Amino acid sequence: MSSREKSGWIEDVLGEVRRHIQSRKYRITRHAQERQDQHKVTLPNVLYILLNGLHEKDKTLYSNEFQTWKYAIRGKTIDRLDEFRIIVAFENEMAILTVIRLKRKK
């Protein structure tokens, strides 16, 4: 069985992200909030990245522990100075699991 055949794979993850943000059905985990604070990235920037970023299929993983997919979205902040990878998962709502800084322009 290929990894995408595991239950719950969302083919149009960016569309699903948009729907959850537009309907305000998302939450930020404590870990993601800590990473936001550490990297000094605001919630509007996180949402902007999720709405305008690209799905990194090669960084998307299935969590056997939680029996769910963890989707990786990569994009730049509103000012285009920073690039992040944001990991999300879906149940009844979208959970923003972590925020990872990839690049920062100087």
Protein backbone atom coordinates (compact mmCIF):
# COMPACT_ATOMS: atom_id res chain seq x y z
CA MET A 1 0.00 0.00 0.00
CA SER A 2 1.43 3.37 -0.97
CA SER A 3 1.68 6.01 1.72
CA ARG A 4 -1.07 8.09 0.09
CA GLU A 5 -3.48 5.18 0.30
CA LYS A 6 -3.52 5.48 4.09
CA SER A 7 -6.81 6.92 5.22
CA GLY A 8 -7.31 10.63 5.31
CA TRP A 9 -4.97 11.80 2.49
CA ILE A 10 -6.22 15.15 1.17
CA GLU A 11 -5.33 15.69 -2.48
CA ASP A 12 -6.25 19.41 -2.54
CA VAL A 13 -4.63 20.36 0.74
CA LEU A 14 -4.31 24.05 -0.20
CA GLY A 15 -8.03 24.22 -0.92
CA GLU A 16 -8.72 22.56 2.43
CA VAL A 17 -6.42 25.07 4.17
CA ARG A 18 -8.29 27.97 2.52
CA ARG A 19 -11.69 26.59 3.54
CA HIS A 20 -10.60 26.17 7.17
CA ILE A 21 -9.09 29.66 7.38
CA GLN A 22 -12.09 31.32 5.70
CA SER A 23 -14.50 29.58 8.08
CA ARG A 24 -12.15 30.23 11.03
CA LYS A 25 -11.96 26.51 11.80
CA TYR A 26 -8.33 26.40 12.83
CA ARG A 27 -6.32 26.40 16.02
CA ILE A 28 -2.69 26.99 16.86
CA THR A 29 -1.00 24.42 19.06
CA ARG A 30 1.12 25.51 21.99
CA HIS A 31 4.22 24.29 20.13
CA ALA A 32 3.37 26.38 17.05
CA GLN A 33 2.75 29.44 19.26
CA GLU A 34 6.15 28.94 20.90
CA ARG A 35 7.81 28.75 17.47
CA GLN A 36 5.93 31.86 16.31
CA ASP A 37 7.24 33.72 19.35
CA GLN A 38 10.76 32.36 18.85
CA HIS A 39 10.86 33.42 15.18
CA LYS A 40 8.89 36.63 15.77
CA VAL A 41 6.34 35.77 13.11
CA THR A 42 2.79 37.04 13.53
CA LEU A 43 -0.46 35.14 13.04
CA PRO A 44 -1.34 37.26 9.96
CA ASN A 45 1.96 36.14 8.40
CA VAL A 46 1.31 32.49 9.27
CA LEU A 47 -2.15 32.70 7.68
CA TYR A 48 -0.71 34.52 4.64
CA ILE A 49 1.84 31.74 4.13
CA LEU A 50 -0.87 29.09 4.44
CA LEU A 51 -3.11 30.92 1.95
CA ASN A 52 -0.36 31.70 -0.57
CA GLY A 53 2.20 28.96 -0.08
CA LEU A 54 2.95 25.70 -1.84
CA HIS A 55 2.23 22.19 -0.60
CA GLU A 56 5.54 20.39 -0.11
CA LYS A 57 4.47 16.81 -0.77
CA ASP A 58 7.97 15.49 -0.09
CA LYS A 59 7.85 16.98 3.44
CA THR A 60 4.31 15.77 4.15
CA LEU A 61 4.28 12.75 6.47
CA TYR A 62 1.83 10.27 7.92
CA SER A 63 1.90 10.10 11.72
CA ASN A 64 1.31 6.53 12.87
CA GLU A 65 1.11 7.79 16.44
CA PHE A 66 -1.83 10.10 15.71
CA GLN A 67 -3.17 8.24 12.64
CA THR A 68 -3.23 11.43 10.57
CA TRP A 69 -1.36 13.26 7.84
CA LYS A 70 0.91 16.19 8.68
CA TYR A 71 0.98 18.49 5.66
CA ALA A 72 3.89 20.85 4.94
CA ILE A 73 3.14 24.27 3.42
CA ARG A 74 6.07 26.49 2.37
CA GLY A 75 5.87 30.19 1.64
CA LYS A 76 7.07 33.71 2.30
CA THR A 77 5.78 36.30 4.72
CA ILE A 78 3.76 39.32 3.58
CA ASP A 79 6.91 41.48 3.28
CA ARG A 80 8.65 38.64 1.35
CA LEU A 81 11.65 38.80 3.73
CA ASP A 82 11.21 35.48 5.50
CA GLU A 83 10.43 31.98 4.26
CA PHE A 84 8.77 29.39 6.47
CA ARG A 85 7.45 25.85 6.43
CA ILE A 86 4.23 25.42 8.38
CA ILE A 87 2.97 21.98 9.33
CA VAL A 88 -0.79 21.44 9.63
CA ALA A 89 -3.12 18.51 10.29
CA PHE A 90 -6.88 18.14 9.93
CA GLU A 91 -9.55 16.65 12.16
CA ASN A 92 -12.71 18.67 12.75
CA GLU A 93 -10.58 21.77 12.39
CA MET A 94 -7.15 22.55 11.02
CA ALA A 95 -4.39 22.38 13.62
CA ILE A 96 -1.30 24.50 12.99
CA LEU A 97 1.34 22.21 14.49
CA THR A 98 4.61 24.06 14.01
CA VAL A 99 6.30 26.98 12.28
CA ILE A 100 9.81 26.45 10.88
CA ARG A 101 11.98 29.29 9.59
CA LEU A 102 13.77 28.37 6.37
CA LYS A 103 15.30 31.63 5.10
CA ARG A 104 15.62 35.23 6.15
CA LYS A 105 16.76 38.04 3.85
CA LYS A 106 19.29 40.36 5.41
